[in-house]
Amino acid sequence: MFRIKINNEVSLGKIDYDDETVCEAIHSTYPEYHYDISLIWNDFVIPLDRRGDISEMYNDIIRMLNALKRNEKDFSISFLSSTFSAQWSIHVESENLRIIPKWITVSFSDLQPYDNQQNSILIVPTVEFINEWNNLLKIIKDDLINVGYNENLEDFYYLKTL
């Protein structure tokens, strides 16, 4: 099972006119490091925060989603954030994704032995996986706009499609 649970009760910061990229804008939009997102991977829950984790992972998330849109069948993506570092090998199998993770570090977890075992492989419908990420990105897009950012930010192109 793959889910992204989002707590929408977050306070928003202020626009920083020096921000040039979506990553920088996300960091400015969320003034506090609150674990308000839960990435659910089978029976494993990884807490994430928008200010640190999502701002650090944004470009990798977009690369991954674009690879799926281009119908790439096999690719890998690496995440390096405050909460977890991992490499996901993603394989498209008909209507599903088979994601084989290599967990490098996962903060707040005493389940390190779980890492890289057979039961950590995720099989999820492709559409469901994309929708989970897009739902999170829509919220971030709306928050960026509410704070005063617009599509002039570098790397905003994907958000325009949501």
N, C-alpha and C. Protein backbone atom coordinates (compact mmCIF):
# COMPACT_ATOMS: atom_id res chain seq x y z
N MET A 1 0.83 -1.18 0.00
CA MET A 1 0.00 0.00 0.00
C MET A 1 0.88 1.25 0.00
N PHE A 2 0.50 2.20 -0.80
CA PHE A 2 1.19 3.49 -0.85
C PHE A 2 0.16 4.59 -0.67
N ARG A 3 0.40 5.44 0.31
CA ARG A 3 -0.46 6.60 0.55
C ARG A 3 0.40 7.76 1.02
N ILE A 4 -0.10 8.95 0.75
CA ILE A 4 0.50 10.15 1.32
C ILE A 4 -0.61 10.85 2.09
N LYS A 5 -0.53 10.78 3.41
CA LYS A 5 -1.52 11.44 4.27
C LYS A 5 -1.00 12.84 4.59
N ILE A 6 -1.89 13.81 4.44
CA ILE A 6 -1.50 15.21 4.56
C ILE A 6 -2.35 15.89 5.62
N ASN A 7 -1.72 16.52 6.58
CA ASN A 7 -2.40 17.36 7.55
C ASN A 7 -2.37 18.78 6.98
N ASN A 8 -3.53 19.31 6.65
CA ASN A 8 -3.58 20.63 6.02
C ASN A 8 -3.63 21.78 7.00
N GLU A 9 -3.53 21.50 8.28
CA GLU A 9 -3.54 22.56 9.28
C GLU A 9 -2.12 23.04 9.52
N VAL A 10 -1.61 23.79 8.56
CA VAL A 10 -0.26 24.34 8.68
C VAL A 10 -0.33 25.85 8.51
N SER A 11 0.56 26.53 9.19
CA SER A 11 0.62 27.98 9.01
C SER A 11 1.53 28.28 7.83
N LEU A 12 1.20 29.34 7.14
CA LEU A 12 1.99 29.74 5.97
C LEU A 12 2.87 30.93 6.33
N GLY A 13 4.03 30.97 5.70
CA GLY A 13 4.97 32.06 5.90
C GLY A 13 4.68 33.20 4.94
N LYS A 14 5.73 33.91 4.59
CA LYS A 14 5.62 35.05 3.68
C LYS A 14 6.49 34.81 2.47
N ILE A 15 6.13 35.47 1.40
CA ILE A 15 6.93 35.39 0.18
C ILE A 15 8.32 35.96 0.45
N ASP A 16 9.32 35.33 -0.08
CA ASP A 16 10.69 35.84 -0.06
C ASP A 16 11.02 36.20 -1.50
N TYR A 17 11.12 37.49 -1.76
CA TYR A 17 11.30 37.94 -3.14
C TYR A 17 12.65 37.54 -3.73
N ASP A 18 13.55 37.02 -2.91
CA ASP A 18 14.82 36.51 -3.43
C ASP A 18 14.71 35.07 -3.92
N ASP A 19 13.61 34.39 -3.60
CA ASP A 19 13.44 33.01 -4.05
C ASP A 19 13.31 32.96 -5.56
N GLU A 20 14.04 32.05 -6.17
CA GLU A 20 13.99 31.89 -7.62
C GLU A 20 13.43 30.54 -8.05
N THR A 21 13.49 29.55 -7.18
CA THR A 21 13.05 28.20 -7.53
C THR A 21 11.86 27.78 -6.66
N VAL A 22 11.16 26.77 -7.12
CA VAL A 22 10.06 26.22 -6.33
C VAL A 22 10.60 25.68 -5.01
N CYS A 23 11.75 25.04 -5.02
CA CYS A 23 12.34 24.51 -3.78
C CYS A 23 12.53 25.60 -2.75
N GLU A 24 13.09 26.72 -3.17
CA GLU A 24 13.30 27.84 -2.25
C GLU A 24 11.97 28.39 -1.76
N ALA A 25 11.00 28.49 -2.67
CA ALA A 25 9.69 29.03 -2.31
C ALA A 25 8.96 28.12 -1.32
N ILE A 26 9.08 26.81 -1.49
CA ILE A 26 8.46 25.88 -0.55
C ILE A 26 9.07 26.10 0.83
N HIS A 27 10.37 26.22 0.89
CA HIS A 27 11.06 26.43 2.16
C HIS A 27 10.57 27.71 2.83
N SER A 28 10.33 28.76 2.07
CA SER A 28 9.85 30.03 2.63
C SER A 28 8.37 29.98 2.99
N THR A 29 7.59 29.24 2.23
CA THR A 29 6.13 29.19 2.43
C THR A 29 5.77 28.51 3.74
N TYR A 30 6.54 27.54 4.15
CA TYR A 30 6.26 26.81 5.38
C TYR A 30 7.33 27.17 6.41
N PRO A 31 6.98 28.04 7.36
CA PRO A 31 7.99 28.59 8.26
C PRO A 31 8.48 27.63 9.35
N GLU A 32 7.79 26.52 9.54
CA GLU A 32 8.15 25.61 10.63
C GLU A 32 8.38 24.19 10.12
N TYR A 33 9.24 23.49 10.83
CA TYR A 33 9.52 22.09 10.51
C TYR A 33 8.54 21.21 11.30
N HIS A 34 7.35 20.98 10.74
CA HIS A 34 6.36 20.12 11.38
C HIS A 34 6.15 18.89 10.50
N TYR A 35 6.17 17.73 11.13
CA TYR A 35 5.93 16.50 10.38
C TYR A 35 4.43 16.37 10.14
N ASP A 36 3.98 16.98 9.06
CA ASP A 36 2.56 17.06 8.75
C ASP A 36 2.17 16.16 7.58
N ILE A 37 3.11 15.38 7.11
CA ILE A 37 2.87 14.46 6.00
C ILE A 37 3.37 13.08 6.42
N SER A 38 2.58 12.06 6.12
CA SER A 38 3.00 10.68 6.38
C SER A 38 3.06 9.94 5.06
N LEU A 39 4.23 9.47 4.72
CA LEU A 39 4.41 8.63 3.53
C LEU A 39 4.25 7.19 4.00
N ILE A 40 3.20 6.54 3.54
CA ILE A 40 2.91 5.18 3.98
C ILE A 40 3.36 4.21 2.88
N TRP A 41 4.31 3.37 3.25
CA TRP A 41 4.94 2.43 2.33
C TRP A 41 4.71 1.03 2.89
N ASN A 42 3.75 0.32 2.33
CA ASN A 42 3.31 -0.96 2.90
C ASN A 42 2.93 -0.70 4.36
N ASP A 43 3.60 -1.32 5.32
CA ASP A 43 3.26 -1.07 6.73
C ASP A 43 4.27 -0.15 7.41
N PHE A 44 5.01 0.58 6.64
CA PHE A 44 6.06 1.46 7.13
C PHE A 44 5.61 2.90 6.94
N VAL A 45 5.72 3.74 7.98
CA VAL A 45 5.30 5.14 7.90
C VAL A 45 6.52 6.04 8.07
N ILE A 46 6.70 6.93 7.10
CA ILE A 46 7.81 7.88 7.14
C ILE A 46 7.23 9.27 7.31
N PRO A 47 7.52 9.95 8.42
CA PRO A 47 7.02 11.31 8.60
C PRO A 47 7.86 12.29 7.78
N LEU A 48 7.18 13.22 7.13
CA LEU A 48 7.86 14.23 6.32
C LEU A 48 7.35 15.62 6.69
N ASP A 49 8.19 16.60 6.51
CA ASP A 49 7.75 17.98 6.68
C ASP A 49 7.92 18.71 5.36
N ARG A 50 7.10 19.73 5.17
CA ARG A 50 7.12 20.47 3.91
C ARG A 50 8.36 21.36 3.80
N ARG A 51 8.68 22.06 4.88
CA ARG A 51 9.77 23.03 4.84
C ARG A 51 11.11 22.37 4.50
N GLY A 52 11.41 21.28 5.15
CA GLY A 52 12.69 20.62 4.92
C GLY A 52 12.61 19.54 3.86
N ASP A 53 11.87 18.48 4.16
CA ASP A 53 11.86 17.30 3.29
C ASP A 53 11.31 17.59 1.90
N ILE A 54 10.11 18.15 1.82
CA ILE A 54 9.50 18.34 0.51
C ILE A 54 10.26 19.38 -0.30
N SER A 55 10.76 20.43 0.35
CA SER A 55 11.55 21.41 -0.41
C SER A 55 12.82 20.77 -0.96
N GLU A 56 13.40 19.83 -0.22
CA GLU A 56 14.61 19.14 -0.66
C GLU A 56 14.31 18.07 -1.71
N MET A 57 13.13 17.47 -1.66
CA MET A 57 12.77 16.36 -2.55
C MET A 57 12.04 16.81 -3.81
N TYR A 58 11.60 18.06 -3.87
CA TYR A 58 10.71 18.51 -4.94
C TYR A 58 11.23 18.15 -6.33
N ASN A 59 12.46 18.51 -6.64
CA ASN A 59 12.99 18.25 -7.99
C ASN A 59 13.02 16.76 -8.31
N ASP A 60 13.33 15.93 -7.33
CA ASP A 60 13.35 14.48 -7.55
C ASP A 60 11.94 13.94 -7.77
N ILE A 61 10.98 14.47 -7.02
CA ILE A 61 9.58 14.06 -7.20
C ILE A 61 9.14 14.39 -8.62
N ILE A 62 9.45 15.60 -9.08
CA ILE A 62 9.05 16.03 -10.43
C ILE A 62 9.74 15.16 -11.48
N ARG A 63 11.03 14.86 -11.30
CA ARG A 63 11.74 13.98 -12.25
C ARG A 63 11.06 12.62 -12.33
N MET A 64 10.68 12.10 -11.18
CA MET A 64 10.03 10.79 -11.14
C MET A 64 8.68 10.82 -11.86
N LEU A 65 7.87 11.83 -11.57
CA LEU A 65 6.55 11.92 -12.20
C LEU A 65 6.66 12.17 -13.70
N ASN A 66 7.63 12.96 -14.11
CA ASN A 66 7.83 13.18 -15.55
C ASN A 66 8.28 11.90 -16.25
N ALA A 67 9.12 11.10 -15.60
CA ALA A 67 9.54 9.83 -16.20
C ALA A 67 8.33 8.92 -16.40
N LEU A 68 7.42 8.92 -15.44
CA LEU A 68 6.21 8.11 -15.58
C LEU A 68 5.32 8.65 -16.69
N LYS A 69 5.23 9.97 -16.81
CA LYS A 69 4.43 10.56 -17.90
C LYS A 69 5.01 10.23 -19.27
N ARG A 70 6.34 10.12 -19.33
CA ARG A 70 7.01 9.77 -20.59
C ARG A 70 6.97 8.27 -20.86
N ASN A 71 6.31 7.54 -19.99
CA ASN A 71 6.17 6.09 -20.12
C ASN A 71 7.50 5.35 -20.06
N GLU A 72 8.45 5.89 -19.30
CA GLU A 72 9.69 5.15 -19.09
C GLU A 72 9.36 3.89 -18.31
N LYS A 73 9.93 2.79 -18.72
CA LYS A 73 9.58 1.49 -18.13
C LYS A 73 10.46 1.12 -16.93
N ASP A 74 11.70 1.56 -16.94
CA ASP A 74 12.63 1.25 -15.86
C ASP A 74 13.51 2.46 -15.62
N PHE A 75 13.52 2.93 -14.39
CA PHE A 75 14.39 4.05 -14.02
C PHE A 75 14.56 4.05 -12.51
N SER A 76 15.50 4.83 -12.05
CA SER A 76 15.67 4.96 -10.60
C SER A 76 15.70 6.43 -10.24
N ILE A 77 15.34 6.67 -9.01
CA ILE A 77 15.31 8.03 -8.49
C ILE A 77 15.90 8.00 -7.09
N SER A 78 16.65 9.02 -6.75
CA SER A 78 17.27 9.09 -5.43
C SER A 78 16.69 10.27 -4.67
N PHE A 79 16.42 10.04 -3.40
CA PHE A 79 15.93 11.09 -2.51
C PHE A 79 16.96 11.31 -1.42
N LEU A 80 17.25 12.56 -1.17
CA LEU A 80 18.14 12.93 -0.08
C LEU A 80 17.46 14.05 0.67
N SER A 81 16.88 13.72 1.81
CA SER A 81 16.18 14.74 2.58
C SER A 81 16.60 14.64 4.04
N SER A 82 16.04 15.50 4.84
CA SER A 82 16.35 15.50 6.27
C SER A 82 15.89 14.22 6.95
N THR A 83 14.79 13.67 6.48
CA THR A 83 14.18 12.53 7.14
C THR A 83 14.61 11.19 6.56
N PHE A 84 14.78 11.12 5.25
CA PHE A 84 15.22 9.84 4.71
C PHE A 84 16.03 10.02 3.43
N SER A 85 16.92 9.09 3.24
CA SER A 85 17.70 9.00 2.01
C SER A 85 17.43 7.61 1.44
N ALA A 86 17.10 7.59 0.16
CA ALA A 86 16.76 6.31 -0.45
C ALA A 86 16.94 6.39 -1.95
N GLN A 87 17.09 5.23 -2.54
CA GLN A 87 17.06 5.11 -3.99
C GLN A 87 15.94 4.13 -4.31
N TRP A 88 15.05 4.57 -5.20
CA TRP A 88 13.96 3.71 -5.62
C TRP A 88 14.20 3.28 -7.06
N SER A 89 14.22 1.97 -7.30
CA SER A 89 14.25 1.43 -8.66
C SER A 89 12.80 1.18 -9.05
N ILE A 90 12.36 1.87 -10.08
CA ILE A 90 10.95 1.83 -10.46
C ILE A 90 10.82 1.07 -11.78
N HIS A 91 9.94 0.08 -11.77
CA HIS A 91 9.70 -0.75 -12.95
C HIS A 91 8.20 -0.74 -13.24
N VAL A 92 7.84 -0.39 -14.46
CA VAL A 92 6.44 -0.39 -14.87
C VAL A 92 6.08 -1.79 -15.34
N GLU A 93 5.03 -2.35 -14.74
CA GLU A 93 4.55 -3.69 -15.09
C GLU A 93 3.07 -3.58 -15.37
N SER A 94 2.71 -3.47 -16.63
CA SER A 94 1.32 -3.32 -17.03
C SER A 94 0.74 -2.06 -16.40
N GLU A 95 -0.25 -2.19 -15.54
CA GLU A 95 -0.89 -1.02 -14.91
C GLU A 95 -0.29 -0.69 -13.55
N ASN A 96 0.73 -1.43 -13.15
CA ASN A 96 1.32 -1.27 -11.82
C ASN A 96 2.77 -0.84 -11.89
N LEU A 97 3.21 -0.30 -10.76
CA LEU A 97 4.63 -0.03 -10.56
C LEU A 97 5.16 -1.02 -9.54
N ARG A 98 6.34 -1.52 -9.80
CA ARG A 98 7.08 -2.30 -8.80
C ARG A 98 8.25 -1.41 -8.41
N ILE A 99 8.26 -1.01 -7.15
CA ILE A 99 9.31 -0.11 -6.67
C ILE A 99 10.15 -0.87 -5.66
N ILE A 100 11.41 -0.99 -5.98
CA ILE A 100 12.35 -1.69 -5.11
C ILE A 100 13.20 -0.62 -4.44
N PRO A 101 13.00 -0.43 -3.13
CA PRO A 101 13.72 0.63 -2.44
C PRO A 101 15.07 0.15 -1.91
N LYS A 102 15.98 1.06 -1.90
CA LYS A 102 17.22 0.87 -1.14
C LYS A 102 17.24 2.00 -0.13
N TRP A 103 16.82 1.70 1.08
CA TRP A 103 16.77 2.70 2.14
C TRP A 103 18.18 2.89 2.67
N ILE A 104 18.64 4.10 2.63
CA ILE A 104 19.99 4.41 3.11
C ILE A 104 19.92 4.86 4.56
N THR A 105 19.08 5.85 4.82
CA THR A 105 18.79 6.25 6.20
C THR A 105 17.33 6.62 6.29
N VAL A 106 16.74 6.30 7.42
CA VAL A 106 15.37 6.70 7.70
C VAL A 106 15.35 7.18 9.15
N SER A 107 15.16 8.48 9.34
CA SER A 107 15.11 9.03 10.69
C SER A 107 13.83 8.57 11.39
N PHE A 108 13.84 8.62 12.68
CA PHE A 108 12.68 8.28 13.49
C PHE A 108 12.23 6.84 13.30
N SER A 109 13.13 5.98 12.90
CA SER A 109 12.74 4.60 12.63
C SER A 109 13.66 3.64 13.36
N ASP A 110 13.04 2.71 14.05
CA ASP A 110 13.83 1.62 14.62
C ASP A 110 13.70 0.38 13.74
N LEU A 111 13.18 0.59 12.54
CA LEU A 111 12.94 -0.52 11.62
C LEU A 111 14.03 -0.65 10.57
N GLN A 112 15.22 -0.20 10.86
CA GLN A 112 16.28 -0.29 9.88
C GLN A 112 16.48 -1.71 9.35
N PRO A 113 16.33 -2.77 10.16
CA PRO A 113 16.47 -4.11 9.60
C PRO A 113 15.43 -4.42 8.51
N TYR A 114 14.31 -3.71 8.54
CA TYR A 114 13.26 -3.85 7.53
C TYR A 114 13.77 -3.42 6.16
N ASP A 115 14.72 -2.53 6.19
CA ASP A 115 15.23 -1.97 4.96
C ASP A 115 15.71 -3.05 4.01
N ASN A 116 15.33 -2.86 2.76
CA ASN A 116 15.86 -3.66 1.66
C ASN A 116 15.51 -5.14 1.73
N GLN A 117 14.50 -5.46 2.50
CA GLN A 117 14.02 -6.84 2.52
C GLN A 117 12.93 -7.00 1.47
N GLN A 118 12.61 -8.21 1.17
CA GLN A 118 11.61 -8.50 0.14
C GLN A 118 10.29 -7.81 0.43
N ASN A 119 9.88 -7.75 1.71
CA ASN A 119 8.58 -7.17 2.03
C ASN A 119 8.58 -5.64 1.97
N SER A 120 9.71 -5.04 1.67
CA SER A 120 9.72 -3.59 1.50
C SER A 120 9.47 -3.19 0.04
N ILE A 121 9.41 -4.18 -0.85
CA ILE A 121 9.07 -3.89 -2.25
C ILE A 121 7.61 -3.44 -2.31
N LEU A 122 7.38 -2.39 -3.05
CA LEU A 122 6.04 -1.82 -3.17
C LEU A 122 5.48 -2.12 -4.56
N ILE A 123 4.27 -2.64 -4.60
CA ILE A 123 3.55 -2.80 -5.87
C ILE A 123 2.29 -1.95 -5.74
N VAL A 124 2.14 -0.99 -6.64
CA VAL A 124 1.05 -0.02 -6.55
C VAL A 124 0.57 0.32 -7.96
N PRO A 125 -0.74 0.50 -8.14
CA PRO A 125 -1.21 0.95 -9.44
C PRO A 125 -0.57 2.29 -9.82
N THR A 126 -0.13 2.40 -11.05
CA THR A 126 0.57 3.61 -11.50
C THR A 126 -0.27 4.85 -11.29
N VAL A 127 -1.53 4.79 -11.66
CA VAL A 127 -2.41 5.96 -11.54
C VAL A 127 -2.55 6.38 -10.08
N GLU A 128 -2.69 5.41 -9.20
CA GLU A 128 -2.81 5.70 -7.76
C GLU A 128 -1.55 6.38 -7.24
N PHE A 129 -0.40 5.88 -7.63
CA PHE A 129 0.88 6.45 -7.19
C PHE A 129 1.01 7.90 -7.66
N ILE A 130 0.73 8.15 -8.92
CA ILE A 130 0.82 9.50 -9.47
C ILE A 130 -0.19 10.42 -8.77
N ASN A 131 -1.41 9.94 -8.57
CA ASN A 131 -2.43 10.76 -7.92
C ASN A 131 -2.06 11.14 -6.50
N GLU A 132 -1.45 10.24 -5.76
CA GLU A 132 -1.02 10.56 -4.40
C GLU A 132 -0.02 11.72 -4.40
N TRP A 133 0.96 11.64 -5.28
CA TRP A 133 1.94 12.73 -5.37
C TRP A 133 1.31 14.01 -5.88
N ASN A 134 0.44 13.90 -6.89
CA ASN A 134 -0.21 15.09 -7.43
C ASN A 134 -1.10 15.78 -6.41
N ASN A 135 -1.78 15.02 -5.56
CA ASN A 135 -2.60 15.64 -4.52
C ASN A 135 -1.75 16.49 -3.59
N LEU A 136 -0.60 15.97 -3.20
CA LEU A 136 0.32 16.75 -2.36
C LEU A 136 0.80 17.99 -3.10
N LEU A 137 1.18 17.81 -4.36
CA LEU A 137 1.72 18.94 -5.13
C LEU A 137 0.66 20.01 -5.39
N LYS A 138 -0.61 19.63 -5.54
CA LYS A 138 -1.68 20.61 -5.70
C LYS A 138 -1.80 21.49 -4.47
N ILE A 139 -1.71 20.88 -3.30
CA ILE A 139 -1.78 21.64 -2.05
C ILE A 139 -0.60 22.61 -1.97
N ILE A 140 0.58 22.13 -2.31
CA ILE A 140 1.76 22.99 -2.27
C ILE A 140 1.62 24.13 -3.27
N LYS A 141 1.15 23.82 -4.46
CA LYS A 141 0.93 24.86 -5.48
C LYS A 141 -0.02 25.93 -4.94
N ASP A 142 -1.15 25.52 -4.38
CA ASP A 142 -2.12 26.48 -3.84
C ASP A 142 -1.51 27.32 -2.73
N ASP A 143 -0.74 26.70 -1.86
CA ASP A 143 -0.09 27.44 -0.78
C ASP A 143 0.92 28.44 -1.33
N LEU A 144 1.69 28.04 -2.33
CA LEU A 144 2.65 28.96 -2.95
C LEU A 144 1.92 30.18 -3.52
N ILE A 145 0.84 29.94 -4.21
CA ILE A 145 0.07 31.04 -4.82
C ILE A 145 -0.55 31.91 -3.74
N ASN A 146 -1.08 31.31 -2.68
CA ASN A 146 -1.68 32.08 -1.59
C ASN A 146 -0.68 32.99 -0.89
N VAL A 147 0.57 32.57 -0.85
CA VAL A 147 1.62 33.38 -0.24
C VAL A 147 2.08 34.49 -1.18
N GLY A 148 1.86 34.32 -2.49
CA GLY A 148 2.21 35.36 -3.44
C GLY A 148 3.15 34.94 -4.56
N TYR A 149 3.54 33.66 -4.58
CA TYR A 149 4.40 33.18 -5.65
C TYR A 149 3.57 32.93 -6.91
N ASN A 150 4.25 32.83 -8.04
CA ASN A 150 3.54 32.56 -9.30
C ASN A 150 4.39 31.65 -10.18
N GLU A 151 3.93 31.47 -11.40
CA GLU A 151 4.58 30.52 -12.30
C GLU A 151 5.92 31.01 -12.83
N ASN A 152 6.37 32.17 -12.41
CA ASN A 152 7.69 32.65 -12.81
C ASN A 152 8.82 31.93 -12.08
N LEU A 153 8.48 31.17 -11.05
CA LEU A 153 9.50 30.41 -10.34
C LEU A 153 10.09 29.34 -11.25
N GLU A 154 11.40 29.17 -11.15
CA GLU A 154 12.06 28.09 -11.89
C GLU A 154 11.50 26.75 -11.40
N ASP A 155 11.22 25.84 -12.31
CA ASP A 155 10.69 24.50 -12.02
C ASP A 155 9.20 24.50 -11.64
N PHE A 156 8.47 25.56 -11.99
CA PHE A 156 7.04 25.62 -11.70
C PHE A 156 6.21 24.90 -12.76
N TYR A 157 6.86 24.54 -13.88
CA TYR A 157 6.14 24.01 -15.04
C TYR A 157 5.23 22.83 -14.70
N TYR A 158 5.66 21.92 -13.85
CA TYR A 158 4.82 20.76 -13.53
C TYR A 158 3.59 21.20 -12.75
N LEU A 159 3.77 22.12 -11.83
CA LEU A 159 2.64 22.58 -11.01
C LEU A 159 1.56 23.24 -11.87
N LYS A 160 1.96 23.85 -12.98
CA LYS A 160 0.97 24.48 -13.86
C LYS A 160 -0.01 23.46 -14.43
N THR A 161 0.39 22.21 -14.51
CA THR A 161 -0.47 21.18 -15.10
C THR A 161 -1.50 20.64 -14.11
N LEU A 162 -1.38 21.02 -12.85
CA LEU A 162 -2.27 20.46 -11.82
C LEU A 162 -3.51 21.31 -11.64
